[in-house]
Amino acid sequence: MSLIAKMMYIQNLIKITGFIEACFVDKGVPIVEIKETGTEDNEQLRRRKIKSSVIYHLASDILLCICSPHLDIAQSFDFTEKISPWMKNAEQVIILTCSHISGYHITRYQNDPPDIFMKALRTNNFIYPVLSDRLEQPNTVKGIPAAVLTWCQTFKIPAVLYICYARNYEVDSDSVKLFVHLFSKLPFKLLKEKPNFTNKLCGGSEISSTLYL
């Protein structure tokens, strides 16, 4: 089976990185480091402790890309181009991104949404089960997740984008339950039987925007 049979990307808004590290990143081997594109010199980047995006080889047919929390919407095209060689031969691409619930638009005829929930968008040729309800209009997705999904649609790579909406920027028990439910339903086993969340789900001063396979 090809090494690039599946691939996963992550960027942390609700500190998804902590969840991913606790559950399965230590099972992977880093194979690619993707530097941030910007105008700052190396010394400025070091002072800000900028984290690079990293692609991990998790299993014989699974790659995981954790996106740097410092990437912004202006870098969406460049970042997508940088990871495109690993997506071109993918069997499927699964994207997980997060957004604050204030960015979710509902009609006045709908009930108030729960504190955390998930919606999905997919490419036309994605034939696998979609594990959440479809994202309704007039809601939109922007930034790197949108760029990656659009790239997959253009190049006919089966892809699905899951958007996690939440009121809290930190990972809590409800967030963990939602992520565990999603990953337990995916067509490959990644989660540890007994993940260790100690010191992994802590908060911090960094809050960014935007997981994909």
N, C-alpha and C. Protein backbone atom coordinates (compact mmCIF):
# COMPACT_ATOMS: atom_id res chain seq x y z
N MET A 1 0.85 -1.19 0.00
CA MET A 1 0.00 0.00 0.00
C MET A 1 0.88 1.24 0.00
N SER A 2 0.45 2.23 -0.70
CA SER A 2 1.22 3.46 -0.77
C SER A 2 1.35 4.11 0.61
N LEU A 3 2.50 4.72 0.87
CA LEU A 3 2.70 5.43 2.13
C LEU A 3 1.66 6.54 2.29
N ILE A 4 1.32 7.21 1.19
CA ILE A 4 0.37 8.32 1.25
C ILE A 4 -1.02 7.80 0.92
N ALA A 5 -1.50 6.87 1.71
CA ALA A 5 -2.86 6.38 1.51
C ALA A 5 -3.86 7.27 2.23
N LYS A 6 -3.43 7.82 3.36
CA LYS A 6 -4.29 8.72 4.13
C LYS A 6 -3.41 9.79 4.74
N MET A 7 -4.03 10.91 5.11
CA MET A 7 -3.25 12.01 5.67
C MET A 7 -4.12 12.84 6.59
N MET A 8 -3.56 13.37 7.65
CA MET A 8 -4.37 14.17 8.57
C MET A 8 -3.68 15.47 8.95
N TYR A 9 -4.44 16.55 8.97
CA TYR A 9 -3.93 17.88 9.30
C TYR A 9 -4.62 18.43 10.54
N ILE A 10 -3.88 19.13 11.38
CA ILE A 10 -4.46 19.71 12.60
C ILE A 10 -3.94 21.12 12.82
N GLN A 11 -4.84 22.01 13.18
CA GLN A 11 -4.44 23.31 13.70
C GLN A 11 -5.29 23.59 14.92
N ASN A 12 -4.72 24.18 15.96
CA ASN A 12 -5.45 24.22 17.23
C ASN A 12 -6.10 25.57 17.52
N LEU A 13 -7.41 25.54 17.60
CA LEU A 13 -8.15 26.66 18.19
C LEU A 13 -8.56 26.29 19.61
N ILE A 14 -9.13 25.09 19.78
CA ILE A 14 -9.52 24.64 21.11
C ILE A 14 -8.43 23.71 21.64
N LYS A 15 -7.19 24.05 21.36
CA LYS A 15 -6.06 23.27 21.82
C LYS A 15 -6.18 21.81 21.42
N ILE A 16 -6.58 21.54 20.17
CA ILE A 16 -6.68 20.17 19.68
C ILE A 16 -5.33 19.49 19.73
N THR A 17 -4.26 20.28 19.60
CA THR A 17 -2.94 19.69 19.61
C THR A 17 -2.70 18.87 20.87
N GLY A 18 -3.15 19.38 22.02
CA GLY A 18 -3.00 18.65 23.27
C GLY A 18 -3.71 17.31 23.23
N PHE A 19 -4.92 17.30 22.67
CA PHE A 19 -5.67 16.06 22.54
C PHE A 19 -4.94 15.08 21.64
N ILE A 20 -4.44 15.57 20.49
CA ILE A 20 -3.75 14.72 19.54
C ILE A 20 -2.47 14.15 20.13
N GLU A 21 -1.71 14.98 20.83
CA GLU A 21 -0.47 14.50 21.44
C GLU A 21 -0.75 13.45 22.50
N ALA A 22 -1.82 13.64 23.27
CA ALA A 22 -2.15 12.69 24.32
C ALA A 22 -2.62 11.36 23.75
N CYS A 23 -3.26 11.42 22.59
CA CYS A 23 -3.91 10.22 22.05
C CYS A 23 -3.05 9.41 21.09
N PHE A 24 -2.30 10.10 20.20
CA PHE A 24 -1.55 9.26 19.26
C PHE A 24 -0.33 9.86 18.59
N VAL A 25 0.05 11.09 18.87
CA VAL A 25 1.22 11.63 18.19
C VAL A 25 2.50 10.88 18.58
N ASP A 26 2.60 10.42 19.84
CA ASP A 26 3.83 9.74 20.25
C ASP A 26 4.01 8.39 19.55
N LYS A 27 2.97 7.95 18.81
CA LYS A 27 3.09 6.74 18.01
C LYS A 27 3.72 7.02 16.66
N GLY A 28 3.91 8.31 16.33
CA GLY A 28 4.37 8.69 15.00
C GLY A 28 5.82 9.13 14.97
N VAL A 29 6.36 9.18 13.76
CA VAL A 29 7.73 9.63 13.51
C VAL A 29 7.68 10.89 12.65
N PRO A 30 8.24 12.01 13.12
CA PRO A 30 8.23 13.22 12.29
C PRO A 30 9.08 13.02 11.04
N ILE A 31 8.51 13.34 9.87
CA ILE A 31 9.25 13.14 8.62
C ILE A 31 9.47 14.43 7.86
N VAL A 32 8.64 15.45 8.12
CA VAL A 32 8.77 16.72 7.40
C VAL A 32 8.46 17.86 8.35
N GLU A 33 9.28 18.90 8.32
CA GLU A 33 9.01 20.12 9.06
C GLU A 33 8.75 21.23 8.05
N ILE A 34 7.62 21.90 8.18
CA ILE A 34 7.24 22.95 7.24
C ILE A 34 7.38 24.29 7.94
N LYS A 35 8.34 25.08 7.48
CA LYS A 35 8.62 26.37 8.11
C LYS A 35 7.54 27.39 7.77
N GLU A 36 7.33 28.32 8.69
CA GLU A 36 6.37 29.39 8.46
C GLU A 36 6.91 30.37 7.43
N THR A 37 6.06 30.79 6.52
CA THR A 37 6.43 31.81 5.55
C THR A 37 6.09 33.17 6.13
N GLY A 38 7.06 34.05 6.17
CA GLY A 38 6.78 35.37 6.74
C GLY A 38 7.90 36.34 6.44
N THR A 39 7.75 37.55 6.94
CA THR A 39 8.73 38.60 6.67
C THR A 39 9.72 38.76 7.81
N GLU A 40 9.49 38.11 8.94
CA GLU A 40 10.39 38.25 10.07
C GLU A 40 11.68 37.49 9.84
N ASP A 41 12.79 37.99 10.40
CA ASP A 41 14.04 37.25 10.27
C ASP A 41 14.06 36.12 11.29
N ASN A 42 15.08 35.27 11.18
CA ASN A 42 15.16 34.08 12.03
C ASN A 42 15.25 34.41 13.50
N GLU A 43 15.96 35.49 13.84
CA GLU A 43 16.10 35.88 15.24
C GLU A 43 14.75 36.27 15.83
N GLN A 44 13.95 37.01 15.09
CA GLN A 44 12.61 37.40 15.56
C GLN A 44 11.74 36.16 15.74
N LEU A 45 11.82 35.23 14.81
CA LEU A 45 11.04 34.00 14.91
C LEU A 45 11.44 33.20 16.14
N ARG A 46 12.74 33.15 16.43
CA ARG A 46 13.20 32.40 17.60
C ARG A 46 12.69 33.05 18.88
N ARG A 47 12.72 34.39 18.93
CA ARG A 47 12.24 35.08 20.12
C ARG A 47 10.77 34.79 20.38
N ARG A 48 9.98 34.69 19.30
CA ARG A 48 8.54 34.41 19.45
C ARG A 48 8.25 32.93 19.64
N LYS A 49 9.30 32.09 19.58
CA LYS A 49 9.16 30.63 19.76
C LYS A 49 8.12 30.08 18.78
N ILE A 50 8.28 30.46 17.53
CA ILE A 50 7.35 30.00 16.50
C ILE A 50 7.47 28.50 16.31
N LYS A 51 6.36 27.80 16.31
CA LYS A 51 6.34 26.37 16.04
C LYS A 51 6.12 26.12 14.56
N SER A 52 6.89 25.21 14.00
CA SER A 52 6.70 24.85 12.61
C SER A 52 5.59 23.81 12.50
N SER A 53 4.98 23.71 11.32
CA SER A 53 4.05 22.63 11.04
C SER A 53 4.87 21.36 10.81
N VAL A 54 4.34 20.22 11.25
CA VAL A 54 5.09 18.96 11.16
C VAL A 54 4.19 17.86 10.61
N ILE A 55 4.74 17.06 9.70
CA ILE A 55 4.05 15.88 9.19
C ILE A 55 4.64 14.66 9.88
N TYR A 56 3.78 13.83 10.47
CA TYR A 56 4.19 12.62 11.15
C TYR A 56 3.75 11.39 10.35
N HIS A 57 4.59 10.37 10.39
CA HIS A 57 4.23 9.06 9.83
C HIS A 57 3.72 8.22 10.99
N LEU A 58 2.39 8.02 11.04
CA LEU A 58 1.78 7.32 12.16
C LEU A 58 1.74 5.81 11.96
N ALA A 59 1.48 5.37 10.74
CA ALA A 59 1.35 3.95 10.43
C ALA A 59 1.74 3.76 8.98
N SER A 60 1.64 2.52 8.50
CA SER A 60 2.09 2.22 7.14
C SER A 60 1.33 3.01 6.09
N ASP A 61 0.10 3.44 6.41
CA ASP A 61 -0.70 4.14 5.41
C ASP A 61 -1.34 5.42 5.94
N ILE A 62 -0.80 5.95 7.04
CA ILE A 62 -1.41 7.14 7.65
C ILE A 62 -0.36 8.20 7.93
N LEU A 63 -0.61 9.40 7.46
CA LEU A 63 0.22 10.55 7.79
C LEU A 63 -0.61 11.56 8.55
N LEU A 64 0.01 12.22 9.51
CA LEU A 64 -0.65 13.25 10.31
C LEU A 64 0.14 14.54 10.18
N CYS A 65 -0.52 15.62 9.82
CA CYS A 65 0.14 16.92 9.76
C CYS A 65 -0.46 17.84 10.81
N ILE A 66 0.34 18.26 11.76
CA ILE A 66 -0.09 19.23 12.76
C ILE A 66 0.35 20.61 12.28
N CYS A 67 -0.60 21.47 12.08
CA CYS A 67 -0.31 22.79 11.55
C CYS A 67 0.11 23.75 12.65
N SER A 68 1.06 24.58 12.35
CA SER A 68 1.50 25.60 13.30
C SER A 68 0.34 26.52 13.67
N PRO A 69 0.18 26.84 14.96
CA PRO A 69 -0.89 27.75 15.37
C PRO A 69 -0.63 29.19 14.94
N HIS A 70 0.55 29.46 14.39
CA HIS A 70 0.90 30.82 13.99
C HIS A 70 0.54 31.13 12.54
N LEU A 71 0.13 30.14 11.78
CA LEU A 71 -0.24 30.39 10.40
C LEU A 71 -1.52 31.22 10.34
N ASP A 72 -1.57 32.14 9.40
CA ASP A 72 -2.77 32.95 9.28
C ASP A 72 -3.39 32.74 7.90
N ILE A 73 -4.51 33.40 7.68
CA ILE A 73 -5.28 33.18 6.46
C ILE A 73 -4.49 33.56 5.21
N ALA A 74 -3.58 34.51 5.32
CA ALA A 74 -2.80 34.94 4.16
C ALA A 74 -1.84 33.87 3.68
N GLN A 75 -1.54 32.89 4.53
CA GLN A 75 -0.61 31.83 4.17
C GLN A 75 -1.30 30.57 3.68
N SER A 76 -2.62 30.62 3.51
CA SER A 76 -3.39 29.43 3.17
C SER A 76 -2.92 28.79 1.87
N PHE A 77 -2.75 29.61 0.82
CA PHE A 77 -2.35 29.07 -0.48
C PHE A 77 -0.96 28.46 -0.42
N ASP A 78 0.00 29.20 0.17
CA ASP A 78 1.37 28.70 0.25
C ASP A 78 1.44 27.40 1.04
N PHE A 79 0.72 27.34 2.16
CA PHE A 79 0.76 26.13 2.98
C PHE A 79 0.17 24.94 2.23
N THR A 80 -0.95 25.17 1.55
CA THR A 80 -1.59 24.09 0.79
C THR A 80 -0.66 23.58 -0.30
N GLU A 81 0.03 24.47 -0.97
CA GLU A 81 0.99 24.06 -2.00
C GLU A 81 2.13 23.24 -1.40
N LYS A 82 2.56 23.60 -0.20
CA LYS A 82 3.67 22.88 0.43
C LYS A 82 3.29 21.45 0.80
N ILE A 83 2.04 21.23 1.22
CA ILE A 83 1.65 19.87 1.62
C ILE A 83 1.01 19.09 0.47
N SER A 84 0.82 19.74 -0.68
CA SER A 84 0.14 19.06 -1.80
C SER A 84 0.84 17.79 -2.28
N PRO A 85 2.20 17.70 -2.24
CA PRO A 85 2.82 16.44 -2.67
C PRO A 85 2.38 15.23 -1.85
N TRP A 86 2.03 15.46 -0.59
CA TRP A 86 1.59 14.36 0.27
C TRP A 86 0.09 14.08 0.12
N MET A 87 -0.63 14.97 -0.53
CA MET A 87 -2.06 14.75 -0.73
C MET A 87 -2.41 14.19 -2.11
N LYS A 88 -1.51 14.35 -3.07
CA LYS A 88 -1.83 14.00 -4.45
C LYS A 88 -2.21 12.54 -4.63
N ASN A 89 -1.57 11.64 -3.86
CA ASN A 89 -1.85 10.21 -3.98
C ASN A 89 -2.67 9.66 -2.83
N ALA A 90 -3.30 10.58 -2.06
CA ALA A 90 -4.04 10.14 -0.89
C ALA A 90 -5.33 9.42 -1.27
N GLU A 91 -5.64 8.39 -0.53
CA GLU A 91 -6.92 7.70 -0.69
C GLU A 91 -8.06 8.60 -0.22
N GLN A 92 -7.79 9.33 0.85
CA GLN A 92 -8.75 10.31 1.34
C GLN A 92 -8.03 11.31 2.23
N VAL A 93 -8.60 12.49 2.32
CA VAL A 93 -8.07 13.55 3.17
C VAL A 93 -9.16 13.92 4.15
N ILE A 94 -8.83 13.89 5.43
CA ILE A 94 -9.80 14.24 6.48
C ILE A 94 -9.28 15.47 7.20
N ILE A 95 -10.07 16.50 7.23
CA ILE A 95 -9.67 17.79 7.80
C ILE A 95 -10.51 18.06 9.04
N LEU A 96 -9.87 18.48 10.11
CA LEU A 96 -10.61 18.90 11.31
C LEU A 96 -10.15 20.30 11.69
N THR A 97 -11.08 21.22 11.73
CA THR A 97 -10.78 22.58 12.15
C THR A 97 -11.75 23.00 13.23
N CYS A 98 -11.42 24.06 13.93
CA CYS A 98 -12.28 24.54 15.01
C CYS A 98 -12.61 26.02 14.84
N SER A 99 -13.75 26.38 15.36
CA SER A 99 -14.19 27.77 15.30
C SER A 99 -15.01 28.09 16.54
N HIS A 100 -14.94 29.34 16.98
CA HIS A 100 -15.78 29.73 18.11
C HIS A 100 -17.24 29.72 17.66
N ILE A 101 -18.12 29.39 18.57
CA ILE A 101 -19.53 29.22 18.24
C ILE A 101 -20.16 30.54 17.75
N SER A 102 -19.53 31.65 18.07
CA SER A 102 -20.06 32.93 17.61
C SER A 102 -19.98 33.06 16.09
N GLY A 103 -19.16 32.23 15.45
CA GLY A 103 -19.05 32.26 14.01
C GLY A 103 -20.05 31.37 13.30
N TYR A 104 -20.91 30.70 14.07
CA TYR A 104 -21.92 29.81 13.48
C TYR A 104 -23.25 30.55 13.37
N HIS A 105 -23.77 30.60 12.16
CA HIS A 105 -25.00 31.35 11.92
C HIS A 105 -26.20 30.40 11.84
N ILE A 106 -27.22 30.71 12.61
CA ILE A 106 -28.44 29.92 12.59
C ILE A 106 -29.62 30.84 12.30
N THR A 107 -30.72 30.25 11.87
CA THR A 107 -31.90 31.06 11.61
C THR A 107 -32.67 31.25 12.91
N ARG A 108 -33.55 32.21 12.92
CA ARG A 108 -34.32 32.50 14.13
C ARG A 108 -35.32 31.40 14.45
N TYR A 109 -35.54 30.48 13.50
CA TYR A 109 -36.48 29.39 13.72
C TYR A 109 -35.82 28.18 14.36
N GLN A 110 -34.47 28.22 14.50
CA GLN A 110 -33.75 27.11 15.10
C GLN A 110 -33.53 27.35 16.58
N ASN A 111 -33.40 26.25 17.34
CA ASN A 111 -33.08 26.37 18.75
C ASN A 111 -31.62 26.80 18.91
N ASP A 112 -31.30 27.33 20.10
CA ASP A 112 -29.91 27.69 20.36
C ASP A 112 -29.03 26.45 20.27
N PRO A 113 -27.85 26.53 19.65
CA PRO A 113 -26.98 25.36 19.51
C PRO A 113 -26.36 24.97 20.84
N PRO A 114 -25.92 23.71 20.99
CA PRO A 114 -25.23 23.29 22.22
C PRO A 114 -23.88 23.97 22.35
N ASP A 115 -23.21 23.73 23.48
CA ASP A 115 -21.93 24.38 23.74
C ASP A 115 -20.84 23.90 22.79
N ILE A 116 -20.94 22.69 22.30
CA ILE A 116 -19.95 22.17 21.36
C ILE A 116 -20.64 21.18 20.42
N PHE A 117 -20.37 21.29 19.13
CA PHE A 117 -20.97 20.40 18.15
C PHE A 117 -20.12 20.42 16.88
N MET A 118 -20.41 19.52 15.96
CA MET A 118 -19.60 19.37 14.76
C MET A 118 -20.46 19.39 13.51
N LYS A 119 -19.94 20.02 12.45
CA LYS A 119 -20.57 20.03 11.14
C LYS A 119 -19.55 19.58 10.11
N ALA A 120 -20.01 19.29 8.88
CA ALA A 120 -19.09 18.74 7.88
C ALA A 120 -19.37 19.30 6.49
N LEU A 121 -18.31 19.35 5.68
CA LEU A 121 -18.39 19.61 4.25
C LEU A 121 -17.53 18.56 3.57
N ARG A 122 -17.86 18.18 2.33
CA ARG A 122 -17.08 17.16 1.64
C ARG A 122 -16.94 17.52 0.16
N THR A 123 -15.95 16.89 -0.47
CA THR A 123 -15.80 17.04 -1.91
C THR A 123 -16.86 16.19 -2.61
N ASN A 124 -17.08 16.44 -3.89
CA ASN A 124 -18.12 15.73 -4.64
C ASN A 124 -17.86 14.23 -4.73
N ASN A 125 -16.58 13.83 -4.72
CA ASN A 125 -16.25 12.42 -4.91
C ASN A 125 -15.92 11.70 -3.60
N PHE A 126 -16.25 12.31 -2.46
CA PHE A 126 -16.01 11.64 -1.18
C PHE A 126 -17.11 10.60 -0.94
N ILE A 127 -16.76 9.31 -1.00
CA ILE A 127 -17.74 8.23 -0.96
C ILE A 127 -17.83 7.55 0.40
N TYR A 128 -17.02 8.01 1.36
CA TYR A 128 -16.99 7.36 2.66
C TYR A 128 -18.07 7.97 3.57
N PRO A 129 -18.41 7.29 4.67
CA PRO A 129 -19.42 7.85 5.58
C PRO A 129 -18.97 9.20 6.15
N VAL A 130 -19.91 10.15 6.19
CA VAL A 130 -19.65 11.45 6.80
C VAL A 130 -20.22 11.39 8.22
N LEU A 131 -19.41 11.72 9.21
CA LEU A 131 -19.74 11.42 10.60
C LEU A 131 -20.41 12.56 11.36
N SER A 132 -20.91 13.54 10.64
CA SER A 132 -21.69 14.60 11.30
C SER A 132 -22.62 15.22 10.27
N ASP A 133 -23.53 16.06 10.73
CA ASP A 133 -24.45 16.73 9.82
C ASP A 133 -23.69 17.72 8.93
N ARG A 134 -24.28 18.01 7.78
CA ARG A 134 -23.67 18.94 6.85
C ARG A 134 -23.76 20.37 7.38
N LEU A 135 -22.74 21.17 7.07
CA LEU A 135 -22.75 22.59 7.44
C LEU A 135 -23.77 23.33 6.58
N GLU A 136 -24.68 24.02 7.22
CA GLU A 136 -25.76 24.68 6.50
C GLU A 136 -25.33 26.06 6.00
N GLN A 137 -26.00 26.50 4.98
CA GLN A 137 -25.87 27.89 4.54
C GLN A 137 -26.57 28.79 5.56
N PRO A 138 -26.11 30.00 5.78
CA PRO A 138 -25.07 30.74 5.05
C PRO A 138 -23.67 30.59 5.65
N ASN A 139 -23.43 29.53 6.44
CA ASN A 139 -22.13 29.36 7.07
C ASN A 139 -21.05 29.07 6.02
N THR A 140 -19.86 29.58 6.28
CA THR A 140 -18.73 29.36 5.38
C THR A 140 -17.50 28.95 6.18
N VAL A 141 -16.50 28.45 5.48
CA VAL A 141 -15.22 28.09 6.09
C VAL A 141 -14.14 28.88 5.37
N LYS A 142 -13.16 29.36 6.10
CA LYS A 142 -12.10 30.16 5.48
C LYS A 142 -10.73 29.65 5.91
N GLY A 143 -9.70 30.27 5.38
CA GLY A 143 -8.34 29.96 5.77
C GLY A 143 -7.82 28.65 5.20
N ILE A 144 -6.88 28.05 5.91
CA ILE A 144 -6.22 26.84 5.43
C ILE A 144 -7.19 25.67 5.22
N PRO A 145 -8.13 25.41 6.13
CA PRO A 145 -9.07 24.31 5.88
C PRO A 145 -9.83 24.47 4.57
N ALA A 146 -10.29 25.68 4.30
CA ALA A 146 -11.02 25.94 3.05
C ALA A 146 -10.10 25.76 1.85
N ALA A 147 -8.86 26.23 1.97
CA ALA A 147 -7.90 26.11 0.86
C ALA A 147 -7.60 24.65 0.57
N VAL A 148 -7.43 23.84 1.60
CA VAL A 148 -7.13 22.42 1.41
C VAL A 148 -8.32 21.69 0.80
N LEU A 149 -9.53 21.96 1.30
CA LEU A 149 -10.71 21.30 0.74
C LEU A 149 -10.92 21.71 -0.72
N THR A 150 -10.71 22.97 -1.03
CA THR A 150 -10.84 23.44 -2.40
C THR A 150 -9.80 22.78 -3.30
N TRP A 151 -8.57 22.66 -2.82
CA TRP A 151 -7.52 21.98 -3.58
C TRP A 151 -7.92 20.54 -3.88
N CYS A 152 -8.45 19.85 -2.86
CA CYS A 152 -8.87 18.45 -3.04
C CYS A 152 -10.02 18.35 -4.05
N GLN A 153 -10.95 19.27 -4.00
CA GLN A 153 -12.05 19.29 -4.96
C GLN A 153 -11.51 19.50 -6.38
N THR A 154 -10.58 20.42 -6.53
CA THR A 154 -10.02 20.73 -7.84
C THR A 154 -9.27 19.53 -8.43
N PHE A 155 -8.49 18.85 -7.59
CA PHE A 155 -7.66 17.74 -8.07
C PHE A 155 -8.30 16.37 -7.84
N LYS A 156 -9.62 16.39 -7.49
CA LYS A 156 -10.41 15.16 -7.37
C LYS A 156 -9.84 14.18 -6.33
N ILE A 157 -9.39 14.74 -5.21
CA ILE A 157 -8.95 13.93 -4.08
C ILE A 157 -10.11 13.85 -3.09
N PRO A 158 -10.62 12.66 -2.77
CA PRO A 158 -11.74 12.56 -1.81
C PRO A 158 -11.36 13.20 -0.47
N ALA A 159 -12.18 14.12 -0.01
CA ALA A 159 -11.85 14.82 1.22
C ALA A 159 -13.12 15.21 1.96
N VAL A 160 -13.01 15.26 3.28
CA VAL A 160 -14.10 15.74 4.11
C VAL A 160 -13.53 16.69 5.15
N LEU A 161 -14.25 17.75 5.43
CA LEU A 161 -13.84 18.75 6.41
C LEU A 161 -14.83 18.75 7.56
N TYR A 162 -14.32 18.53 8.78
CA TYR A 162 -15.15 18.60 9.98
C TYR A 162 -14.84 19.89 10.71
N ILE A 163 -15.90 20.65 11.02
CA ILE A 163 -15.74 21.91 11.75
C ILE A 163 -16.33 21.75 13.14
N CYS A 164 -15.49 21.91 14.14
CA CYS A 164 -15.93 21.81 15.53
C CYS A 164 -16.21 23.22 16.04
N TYR A 165 -17.46 23.46 16.40
CA TYR A 165 -17.85 24.75 16.98
C TYR A 165 -17.95 24.61 18.49
N ALA A 166 -17.40 25.56 19.22
CA ALA A 166 -17.42 25.47 20.69
C ALA A 166 -17.42 26.86 21.30
N ARG A 167 -17.93 26.94 22.52
CA ARG A 167 -17.93 28.21 23.26
C ARG A 167 -16.62 28.43 24.00
N ASN A 168 -15.90 27.34 24.28
CA ASN A 168 -14.69 27.40 25.10
C ASN A 168 -13.46 27.20 24.23
N TYR A 169 -12.44 28.03 24.41
CA TYR A 169 -11.21 27.90 23.64
C TYR A 169 -10.32 26.76 24.13
N GLU A 170 -10.60 26.24 25.32
CA GLU A 170 -9.78 25.17 25.87
C GLU A 170 -10.46 23.81 25.67
N VAL A 171 -9.65 22.76 25.64
CA VAL A 171 -10.20 21.42 25.58
C VAL A 171 -10.75 21.05 26.95
N ASP A 172 -12.01 20.64 27.01
CA ASP A 172 -12.61 20.18 28.25
C ASP A 172 -13.18 18.78 28.02
N SER A 173 -13.91 18.26 29.00
CA SER A 173 -14.43 16.90 28.89
C SER A 173 -15.37 16.74 27.70
N ASP A 174 -16.18 17.75 27.43
CA ASP A 174 -17.09 17.68 26.29
C ASP A 174 -16.33 17.64 24.96
N SER A 175 -15.25 18.43 24.88
CA SER A 175 -14.43 18.42 23.67
C SER A 175 -13.79 17.05 23.46
N VAL A 176 -13.25 16.48 24.54
CA VAL A 176 -12.60 15.17 24.45
C VAL A 176 -13.59 14.12 23.98
N LYS A 177 -14.80 14.14 24.52
CA LYS A 177 -15.83 13.17 24.11
C LYS A 177 -16.14 13.29 22.63
N LEU A 178 -16.24 14.54 22.15
CA LEU A 178 -16.54 14.76 20.73
C LEU A 178 -15.42 14.24 19.84
N PHE A 179 -14.16 14.55 20.19
CA PHE A 179 -13.03 14.10 19.39
C PHE A 179 -12.87 12.59 19.44
N VAL A 180 -13.05 12.00 20.63
CA VAL A 180 -12.95 10.54 20.75
C VAL A 180 -14.00 9.86 19.90
N HIS A 181 -15.22 10.40 19.91
CA HIS A 181 -16.29 9.82 19.10
C HIS A 181 -15.93 9.88 17.61
N LEU A 182 -15.39 11.01 17.16
CA LEU A 182 -15.01 11.15 15.75
C LEU A 182 -13.91 10.16 15.38
N PHE A 183 -12.83 10.13 16.15
CA PHE A 183 -11.71 9.27 15.80
C PHE A 183 -12.02 7.79 15.95
N SER A 184 -12.93 7.45 16.85
CA SER A 184 -13.30 6.03 17.01
C SER A 184 -14.12 5.54 15.83
N LYS A 185 -14.73 6.47 15.07
CA LYS A 185 -15.54 6.09 13.92
C LYS A 185 -14.77 6.10 12.61
N LEU A 186 -13.55 6.65 12.62
CA LEU A 186 -12.76 6.69 11.39
C LEU A 186 -12.33 5.27 11.00
N PRO A 187 -12.06 5.04 9.70
CA PRO A 187 -11.79 3.68 9.22
C PRO A 187 -10.37 3.19 9.49
N PHE A 188 -9.75 3.65 10.57
CA PHE A 188 -8.43 3.18 10.97
C PHE A 188 -8.28 3.48 12.44
N LYS A 189 -7.53 2.68 13.14
CA LYS A 189 -7.41 2.79 14.59
C LYS A 189 -6.20 3.64 14.95
N LEU A 190 -6.44 4.79 15.58
CA LEU A 190 -5.37 5.67 16.01
C LEU A 190 -5.34 5.88 17.51
N LEU A 191 -6.48 5.94 18.13
CA LEU A 191 -6.55 6.30 19.54
C LEU A 191 -5.93 5.23 20.44
N LYS A 192 -5.24 5.70 21.47
CA LYS A 192 -4.76 4.79 22.49
C LYS A 192 -5.94 4.28 23.31
N GLU A 193 -5.79 3.10 23.87
CA GLU A 193 -6.85 2.59 24.75
C GLU A 193 -6.93 3.41 26.04
N LYS A 194 -5.76 3.87 26.53
CA LYS A 194 -5.74 4.66 27.76
C LYS A 194 -4.87 5.91 27.53
N PRO A 195 -5.40 6.92 26.86
CA PRO A 195 -4.61 8.12 26.62
C PRO A 195 -4.30 8.85 27.91
N ASN A 196 -3.14 9.48 27.97
CA ASN A 196 -2.71 10.24 29.14
C ASN A 196 -2.84 11.72 28.84
N PHE A 197 -3.82 12.37 29.45
CA PHE A 197 -4.07 13.78 29.19
C PHE A 197 -3.34 14.70 30.15
N THR A 198 -2.55 14.15 31.08
CA THR A 198 -1.85 14.97 32.04
C THR A 198 -0.90 15.94 31.35
N ASN A 199 -1.06 17.22 31.65
CA ASN A 199 -0.23 18.29 31.09
C ASN A 199 -0.36 18.45 29.58
N LYS A 200 -1.32 17.76 28.96
CA LYS A 200 -1.48 17.86 27.52
C LYS A 200 -2.58 18.83 27.12
N LEU A 201 -3.58 18.97 27.97
CA LEU A 201 -4.73 19.78 27.61
C LEU A 201 -4.73 21.12 28.31
N CYS A 202 -3.57 21.52 28.78
CA CYS A 202 -3.51 22.80 29.48
C CYS A 202 -3.69 23.94 28.50
N GLY A 203 -4.13 25.07 29.01
CA GLY A 203 -4.33 26.23 28.17
C GLY A 203 -3.03 26.98 27.96
N GLY A 204 -3.16 28.21 27.54
CA GLY A 204 -1.98 29.02 27.29
C GLY A 204 -2.40 30.35 26.72
N SER A 205 -1.41 31.17 26.48
CA SER A 205 -1.71 32.51 25.99
C SER A 205 -1.97 32.51 24.50
N GLU A 206 -1.59 31.41 23.79
CA GLU A 206 -1.75 31.38 22.35
C GLU A 206 -3.14 30.89 21.98
N ILE A 207 -3.85 31.63 21.19
CA ILE A 207 -5.13 31.19 20.65
C ILE A 207 -5.08 31.39 19.16
N SER A 208 -5.29 30.32 18.42
CA SER A 208 -5.20 30.44 16.98
C SER A 208 -6.46 29.89 16.37
N SER A 209 -6.44 29.70 15.07
CA SER A 209 -7.67 29.32 14.44
C SER A 209 -7.77 27.89 14.12
N THR A 210 -7.21 27.60 13.46
CA THR A 210 -7.71 26.40 12.86
C THR A 210 -7.22 25.23 13.70
N LEU A 211 -7.48 19.68 11.80
CA LEU A 211 -6.85 18.39 11.81
C LEU A 211 -7.11 17.81 10.47
N TYR A 212 -6.17 17.38 9.64
CA TYR A 212 -6.73 16.77 8.48
C TYR A 212 -5.96 15.63 7.87
N LEU A 213 -6.69 14.61 7.21
CA LEU A 213 -6.06 13.36 6.79
C LEU A 213 -6.04 13.20 5.30
